[in-house]
Amino acid sequence: MTSVTTVIQDQTFKVDSSELLKVIKMSVVEKRQRLGWQAKEAEKRDIVGRWVDERDSVGDKITLYREDGKIYLETWYNDGCHSLDEMEATQTPEGLKLEDVGGNIFGEYFLLSDGKTLQFCNSSSCFYTAKVA
């Protein structure tokens, strides 16, 4: 049995090092501003609510929205990282239970009550309420 690896040099990806250095040196705010897709995508969204996670002065920004019949939870972390999760919504007596479609090994979920209160919960209890933005 023989294995052959071929490298095609004509199809290499070249990066202008000065451009890459500019991007690396940008502040988090500048990098976010470069994400022009955000404004275009936001136009299609039906915003359910916006909150801030103030635990330990984290300041993560959370947006819950509907788009194309699905519900999403988007988080912009204080360090500039971004998370976007499709959520499964189940109506309960306490409110709308929101679970990550991909699953959560810790059994954590969000609870939206009164249409504006977002709580962080697990199988035992709700342990944090996010501040409305």
N, C-alpha and C. Protein backbone atom coordinates (compact mmCIF):
# COMPACT_ATOMS: atom_id res chain seq x y z
N MET A 1 0.83 -1.17 0.00
CA MET A 1 0.00 0.00 0.00
C MET A 1 0.88 1.24 0.00
N THR A 2 0.67 2.15 -0.93
CA THR A 2 1.48 3.34 -1.04
C THR A 2 0.61 4.59 -0.89
N SER A 3 1.13 5.58 -0.18
CA SER A 3 0.42 6.84 0.05
C SER A 3 1.21 7.95 -0.63
N VAL A 4 0.52 8.79 -1.37
CA VAL A 4 1.19 9.87 -2.08
C VAL A 4 0.51 11.19 -1.71
N THR A 5 1.32 12.17 -1.36
CA THR A 5 0.81 13.50 -1.05
C THR A 5 1.36 14.44 -2.11
N THR A 6 0.47 15.20 -2.74
CA THR A 6 0.89 16.14 -3.77
C THR A 6 0.66 17.56 -3.28
N VAL A 7 1.63 18.41 -3.43
CA VAL A 7 1.52 19.82 -3.06
C VAL A 7 1.48 20.62 -4.35
N ILE A 8 0.44 21.42 -4.48
CA ILE A 8 0.31 22.26 -5.67
C ILE A 8 0.72 23.67 -5.27
N GLN A 9 1.86 24.10 -5.75
CA GLN A 9 2.40 25.39 -5.35
C GLN A 9 1.67 26.56 -6.01
N ASP A 10 1.04 26.36 -7.14
CA ASP A 10 0.34 27.44 -7.83
C ASP A 10 -0.90 27.90 -7.08
N GLN A 11 -1.41 27.11 -6.14
CA GLN A 11 -2.64 27.45 -5.44
C GLN A 11 -2.38 27.83 -3.98
N THR A 12 -1.21 28.37 -3.70
CA THR A 12 -0.92 28.77 -2.32
C THR A 12 -1.66 30.07 -2.00
N PHE A 13 -1.95 30.24 -0.73
CA PHE A 13 -2.65 31.41 -0.24
C PHE A 13 -1.60 32.39 0.25
N LYS A 14 -1.57 33.57 -0.32
CA LYS A 14 -0.58 34.56 0.06
C LYS A 14 -1.26 35.68 0.84
N VAL A 15 -0.64 36.07 1.94
CA VAL A 15 -1.17 37.12 2.79
C VAL A 15 -0.15 38.24 2.85
N ASP A 16 -0.62 39.46 2.62
CA ASP A 16 0.24 40.62 2.75
C ASP A 16 0.49 40.83 4.24
N SER A 17 1.72 40.65 4.67
CA SER A 17 2.03 40.69 6.10
C SER A 17 1.69 42.04 6.73
N SER A 18 1.81 43.12 5.99
CA SER A 18 1.48 44.43 6.56
C SER A 18 -0.02 44.54 6.83
N GLU A 19 -0.85 43.98 5.96
CA GLU A 19 -2.31 43.98 6.17
C GLU A 19 -2.67 43.11 7.37
N LEU A 20 -2.04 41.97 7.48
CA LEU A 20 -2.30 41.06 8.60
C LEU A 20 -1.91 41.72 9.91
N LEU A 21 -0.79 42.41 9.93
CA LEU A 21 -0.32 43.10 11.12
C LEU A 21 -1.31 44.19 11.54
N LYS A 22 -1.88 44.90 10.56
CA LYS A 22 -2.88 45.94 10.86
C LYS A 22 -4.09 45.33 11.56
N VAL A 23 -4.56 44.19 11.07
CA VAL A 23 -5.72 43.53 11.67
C VAL A 23 -5.40 43.05 13.07
N ILE A 24 -4.23 42.48 13.27
CA ILE A 24 -3.83 41.98 14.58
C ILE A 24 -3.76 43.12 15.60
N LYS A 25 -3.28 44.29 15.18
CA LYS A 25 -3.11 45.42 16.09
C LYS A 25 -4.41 46.18 16.36
N MET A 26 -5.49 45.87 15.63
CA MET A 26 -6.75 46.58 15.82
C MET A 26 -7.34 46.31 17.20
N SER A 27 -8.03 47.30 17.70
CA SER A 27 -8.73 47.09 18.97
C SER A 27 -9.96 46.23 18.70
N VAL A 28 -10.53 45.71 19.76
CA VAL A 28 -11.73 44.89 19.64
C VAL A 28 -12.84 45.69 18.97
N VAL A 29 -12.97 46.95 19.34
CA VAL A 29 -14.02 47.80 18.77
C VAL A 29 -13.82 47.96 17.26
N GLU A 30 -12.59 48.20 16.84
CA GLU A 30 -12.30 48.34 15.41
C GLU A 30 -12.61 47.06 14.65
N LYS A 31 -12.28 45.91 15.25
CA LYS A 31 -12.56 44.64 14.59
C LYS A 31 -14.05 44.44 14.44
N ARG A 32 -14.81 44.79 15.47
CA ARG A 32 -16.27 44.65 15.38
C ARG A 32 -16.84 45.55 14.29
N GLN A 33 -16.29 46.77 14.16
CA GLN A 33 -16.78 47.70 13.15
C GLN A 33 -16.53 47.18 11.74
N ARG A 34 -15.50 46.39 11.57
CA ARG A 34 -15.19 45.82 10.26
C ARG A 34 -16.18 44.74 9.85
N LEU A 35 -16.90 44.22 10.81
CA LEU A 35 -17.86 43.16 10.52
C LEU A 35 -19.13 43.78 9.93
N GLY A 36 -19.06 44.24 8.71
CA GLY A 36 -20.18 44.89 8.05
C GLY A 36 -21.39 44.00 7.92
N TRP A 37 -21.21 42.70 7.97
CA TRP A 37 -22.33 41.78 7.85
C TRP A 37 -23.30 41.94 9.00
N GLN A 38 -22.85 42.43 10.12
CA GLN A 38 -23.73 42.57 11.28
C GLN A 38 -24.93 43.44 10.98
N ALA A 39 -24.70 44.60 10.42
CA ALA A 39 -25.79 45.53 10.15
C ALA A 39 -26.78 44.94 9.16
N LYS A 40 -26.27 44.27 8.12
CA LYS A 40 -27.15 43.67 7.12
C LYS A 40 -27.97 42.53 7.71
N GLU A 41 -27.33 41.71 8.53
CA GLU A 41 -28.02 40.59 9.15
C GLU A 41 -29.07 41.08 10.16
N ALA A 42 -28.75 42.14 10.87
CA ALA A 42 -29.65 42.63 11.91
C ALA A 42 -30.97 43.12 11.34
N GLU A 43 -30.99 43.56 10.09
CA GLU A 43 -32.21 44.04 9.47
C GLU A 43 -33.26 42.95 9.34
N LYS A 44 -32.84 41.69 9.24
CA LYS A 44 -33.77 40.57 9.06
C LYS A 44 -34.28 40.02 10.38
N ARG A 45 -33.78 40.53 11.48
CA ARG A 45 -34.07 39.95 12.79
C ARG A 45 -35.29 40.59 13.46
N ASP A 46 -36.03 39.74 14.16
CA ASP A 46 -37.11 40.20 15.03
C ASP A 46 -36.55 40.08 16.45
N ILE A 47 -36.08 41.19 16.99
CA ILE A 47 -35.42 41.19 18.30
C ILE A 47 -36.44 40.92 19.41
N VAL A 48 -36.16 39.89 20.19
CA VAL A 48 -37.00 39.55 21.35
C VAL A 48 -36.55 40.36 22.55
N GLY A 49 -35.23 40.48 22.72
CA GLY A 49 -34.70 41.25 23.84
C GLY A 49 -33.19 41.29 23.84
N ARG A 50 -32.66 42.24 24.63
CA ARG A 50 -31.21 42.40 24.79
C ARG A 50 -30.88 42.51 26.27
N TRP A 51 -29.79 41.85 26.68
CA TRP A 51 -29.39 41.82 28.08
C TRP A 51 -27.88 41.94 28.18
N VAL A 52 -27.43 42.17 29.41
CA VAL A 52 -26.00 42.21 29.72
C VAL A 52 -25.75 41.25 30.87
N ASP A 53 -24.74 40.41 30.73
CA ASP A 53 -24.32 39.49 31.79
C ASP A 53 -23.30 40.24 32.63
N GLU A 54 -23.70 40.66 33.82
CA GLU A 54 -22.82 41.47 34.67
C GLU A 54 -22.12 40.67 35.75
N ARG A 55 -22.19 39.35 35.68
CA ARG A 55 -21.48 38.54 36.68
C ARG A 55 -19.99 38.81 36.61
N ASP A 56 -19.39 39.02 37.75
CA ASP A 56 -17.94 39.26 37.83
C ASP A 56 -17.49 40.35 36.86
N SER A 57 -18.33 41.34 36.63
CA SER A 57 -18.03 42.47 35.73
C SER A 57 -17.67 42.00 34.32
N VAL A 58 -18.30 40.92 33.87
CA VAL A 58 -18.00 40.36 32.55
C VAL A 58 -18.46 41.31 31.45
N GLY A 59 -19.73 41.74 31.50
CA GLY A 59 -20.24 42.69 30.52
C GLY A 59 -20.58 42.09 29.16
N ASP A 60 -20.77 40.76 29.09
CA ASP A 60 -21.15 40.14 27.82
C ASP A 60 -22.52 40.64 27.39
N LYS A 61 -22.67 40.88 26.08
CA LYS A 61 -23.93 41.39 25.53
C LYS A 61 -24.70 40.25 24.86
N ILE A 62 -25.95 40.07 25.27
CA ILE A 62 -26.77 38.95 24.81
C ILE A 62 -27.98 39.49 24.05
N THR A 63 -28.23 38.91 22.88
CA THR A 63 -29.40 39.27 22.09
C THR A 63 -30.16 38.00 21.74
N LEU A 64 -31.45 38.02 21.99
CA LEU A 64 -32.33 36.92 21.62
C LEU A 64 -33.20 37.42 20.49
N TYR A 65 -33.23 36.67 19.38
CA TYR A 65 -34.02 37.13 18.24
C TYR A 65 -34.60 35.96 17.46
N ARG A 66 -35.63 36.29 16.66
CA ARG A 66 -36.25 35.32 15.75
C ARG A 66 -35.89 35.70 14.32
N GLU A 67 -35.66 34.65 13.53
CA GLU A 67 -35.36 34.85 12.11
C GLU A 67 -35.71 33.58 11.36
N ASP A 68 -36.48 33.72 10.31
CA ASP A 68 -36.87 32.59 9.46
C ASP A 68 -37.49 31.45 10.27
N GLY A 69 -38.35 31.79 11.23
CA GLY A 69 -39.05 30.78 12.00
C GLY A 69 -38.22 30.10 13.08
N LYS A 70 -37.00 30.56 13.29
CA LYS A 70 -36.13 29.98 14.31
C LYS A 70 -35.79 31.06 15.33
N ILE A 71 -35.35 30.62 16.51
CA ILE A 71 -34.95 31.57 17.55
C ILE A 71 -33.47 31.37 17.86
N TYR A 72 -32.75 32.49 17.99
CA TYR A 72 -31.30 32.45 18.18
C TYR A 72 -30.89 33.26 19.40
N LEU A 73 -29.82 32.83 20.03
CA LEU A 73 -29.21 33.56 21.12
C LEU A 73 -27.80 33.93 20.67
N GLU A 74 -27.55 35.22 20.60
CA GLU A 74 -26.24 35.71 20.16
C GLU A 74 -25.55 36.39 21.33
N THR A 75 -24.29 36.08 21.52
CA THR A 75 -23.52 36.68 22.60
C THR A 75 -22.25 37.29 22.05
N TRP A 76 -22.01 38.55 22.40
CA TRP A 76 -20.74 39.21 22.12
C TRP A 76 -20.02 39.31 23.45
N TYR A 77 -18.91 38.60 23.57
CA TYR A 77 -18.16 38.57 24.81
C TYR A 77 -17.28 39.80 24.93
N ASN A 78 -16.95 40.15 26.14
CA ASN A 78 -16.17 41.34 26.43
C ASN A 78 -14.80 41.32 25.76
N ASP A 79 -14.27 40.12 25.48
CA ASP A 79 -12.96 40.01 24.84
C ASP A 79 -13.04 40.07 23.32
N GLY A 80 -14.27 40.28 22.77
CA GLY A 80 -14.44 40.40 21.33
C GLY A 80 -14.90 39.12 20.66
N CYS A 81 -14.92 38.01 21.36
CA CYS A 81 -15.39 36.75 20.79
C CYS A 81 -16.90 36.79 20.60
N HIS A 82 -17.39 35.93 19.74
CA HIS A 82 -18.80 35.93 19.37
C HIS A 82 -19.35 34.51 19.40
N SER A 83 -20.60 34.38 19.83
CA SER A 83 -21.26 33.09 19.87
C SER A 83 -22.67 33.26 19.31
N LEU A 84 -23.11 32.33 18.49
CA LEU A 84 -24.46 32.36 17.93
C LEU A 84 -25.02 30.95 18.00
N ASP A 85 -26.10 30.78 18.76
CA ASP A 85 -26.68 29.46 18.97
C ASP A 85 -28.15 29.45 18.59
N GLU A 86 -28.55 28.43 17.84
CA GLU A 86 -29.97 28.23 17.58
C GLU A 86 -30.56 27.60 18.83
N MET A 87 -31.72 28.10 19.24
CA MET A 87 -32.33 27.64 20.48
C MET A 87 -33.64 26.89 20.19
N GLU A 88 -33.93 25.93 21.06
CA GLU A 88 -35.21 25.22 21.02
C GLU A 88 -36.06 25.83 22.14
N ALA A 89 -37.24 26.33 21.79
CA ALA A 89 -38.09 26.99 22.78
C ALA A 89 -39.24 26.09 23.18
N THR A 90 -39.46 25.99 24.50
CA THR A 90 -40.56 25.19 25.06
C THR A 90 -41.30 26.05 26.08
N GLN A 91 -42.60 26.19 25.89
CA GLN A 91 -43.38 26.97 26.86
C GLN A 91 -43.58 26.16 28.13
N THR A 92 -43.29 26.76 29.29
CA THR A 92 -43.47 26.13 30.59
C THR A 92 -44.29 27.08 31.46
N PRO A 93 -44.80 26.62 32.60
CA PRO A 93 -45.54 27.52 33.49
C PRO A 93 -44.69 28.71 33.96
N GLU A 94 -43.36 28.52 34.06
CA GLU A 94 -42.46 29.59 34.51
C GLU A 94 -42.13 30.59 33.41
N GLY A 95 -42.26 30.18 32.16
CA GLY A 95 -41.90 31.04 31.04
C GLY A 95 -41.41 30.21 29.87
N LEU A 96 -40.71 30.85 28.95
CA LEU A 96 -40.20 30.18 27.76
C LEU A 96 -38.82 29.59 28.06
N LYS A 97 -38.72 28.27 28.04
CA LYS A 97 -37.46 27.58 28.29
C LYS A 97 -36.68 27.52 26.98
N LEU A 98 -35.45 28.02 26.98
CA LEU A 98 -34.61 28.09 25.79
C LEU A 98 -33.39 27.20 25.97
N GLU A 99 -33.32 26.16 25.13
CA GLU A 99 -32.20 25.23 25.20
C GLU A 99 -31.45 25.24 23.88
N ASP A 100 -30.14 25.14 23.97
CA ASP A 100 -29.28 25.08 22.78
C ASP A 100 -29.64 23.84 21.97
N VAL A 101 -29.95 24.02 20.68
CA VAL A 101 -30.29 22.89 19.80
C VAL A 101 -29.16 21.87 19.78
N GLY A 102 -27.93 22.33 19.89
CA GLY A 102 -26.77 21.44 19.89
C GLY A 102 -26.58 20.69 21.19
N GLY A 103 -27.37 21.03 22.20
CA GLY A 103 -27.26 20.36 23.49
C GLY A 103 -26.33 21.09 24.44
N ASN A 104 -26.46 20.77 25.71
CA ASN A 104 -25.63 21.35 26.75
C ASN A 104 -25.33 20.25 27.77
N ILE A 105 -24.09 19.83 27.85
CA ILE A 105 -23.73 18.71 28.71
C ILE A 105 -23.94 19.01 30.19
N PHE A 106 -24.07 20.29 30.54
CA PHE A 106 -24.26 20.66 31.93
C PHE A 106 -25.75 20.79 32.30
N GLY A 107 -26.62 20.62 31.33
CA GLY A 107 -28.05 20.73 31.59
C GLY A 107 -28.51 22.16 31.80
N GLU A 108 -27.72 23.12 31.34
CA GLU A 108 -28.07 24.53 31.51
C GLU A 108 -28.99 25.00 30.38
N TYR A 109 -29.80 25.98 30.72
CA TYR A 109 -30.73 26.56 29.75
C TYR A 109 -31.07 27.98 30.20
N PHE A 110 -31.79 28.70 29.36
CA PHE A 110 -32.25 30.05 29.69
C PHE A 110 -33.76 29.99 29.90
N LEU A 111 -34.26 30.90 30.72
CA LEU A 111 -35.69 31.00 30.95
C LEU A 111 -36.09 32.45 30.72
N LEU A 112 -36.97 32.66 29.75
CA LEU A 112 -37.47 33.99 29.43
C LEU A 112 -38.87 34.11 30.02
N SER A 113 -39.03 34.99 31.01
CA SER A 113 -40.34 35.16 31.63
C SER A 113 -40.78 36.61 31.48
N ASP A 114 -42.06 36.82 31.47
CA ASP A 114 -42.64 38.16 31.30
C ASP A 114 -42.18 38.83 30.01
N GLY A 115 -41.64 38.06 29.09
CA GLY A 115 -41.17 38.62 27.83
C GLY A 115 -39.94 39.49 27.92
N LYS A 116 -39.39 39.65 29.13
CA LYS A 116 -38.22 40.52 29.26
C LYS A 116 -37.18 40.06 30.27
N THR A 117 -37.53 39.14 31.16
CA THR A 117 -36.59 38.67 32.17
C THR A 117 -35.89 37.42 31.67
N LEU A 118 -34.56 37.48 31.54
CA LEU A 118 -33.77 36.34 31.08
C LEU A 118 -32.97 35.78 32.24
N GLN A 119 -33.26 34.52 32.58
CA GLN A 119 -32.56 33.86 33.67
C GLN A 119 -31.70 32.73 33.14
N PHE A 120 -30.57 32.50 33.82
CA PHE A 120 -29.67 31.41 33.52
C PHE A 120 -30.03 30.30 34.50
N CYS A 121 -30.32 29.10 34.00
CA CYS A 121 -30.80 28.02 34.85
C CYS A 121 -30.06 26.72 34.57
N ASN A 122 -30.19 25.79 35.54
CA ASN A 122 -29.72 24.42 35.35
C ASN A 122 -30.79 23.49 35.90
N SER A 123 -30.50 22.23 35.99
CA SER A 123 -31.52 21.27 36.43
C SER A 123 -31.97 21.50 37.88
N SER A 124 -31.18 22.22 38.66
CA SER A 124 -31.52 22.47 40.06
C SER A 124 -32.33 23.75 40.27
N SER A 125 -31.87 24.85 39.63
CA SER A 125 -32.52 26.14 39.86
C SER A 125 -32.06 27.16 38.83
N CYS A 126 -32.68 28.33 38.90
CA CYS A 126 -32.21 29.47 38.12
C CYS A 126 -31.24 30.24 39.03
N PHE A 127 -30.03 30.47 38.53
CA PHE A 127 -28.98 31.00 39.38
C PHE A 127 -28.53 32.41 39.05
N TYR A 128 -29.05 32.99 37.94
CA TYR A 128 -28.65 34.34 37.60
C TYR A 128 -29.71 34.98 36.71
N THR A 129 -29.98 36.26 36.93
CA THR A 129 -30.88 37.02 36.07
C THR A 129 -30.07 38.11 35.39
N ALA A 130 -30.09 38.11 34.06
CA ALA A 130 -29.32 39.10 33.28
C ALA A 130 -30.01 40.46 33.36
N LYS A 131 -29.22 41.51 33.29
CA LYS A 131 -29.73 42.87 33.32
C LYS A 131 -30.22 43.25 31.91
N VAL A 132 -31.41 43.84 31.85
CA VAL A 132 -31.94 44.30 30.56
C VAL A 132 -31.04 45.40 30.03
N ALA A 133 -30.67 45.31 28.75
CA ALA A 133 -29.79 46.32 28.15
C ALA A 133 -30.58 47.52 27.68
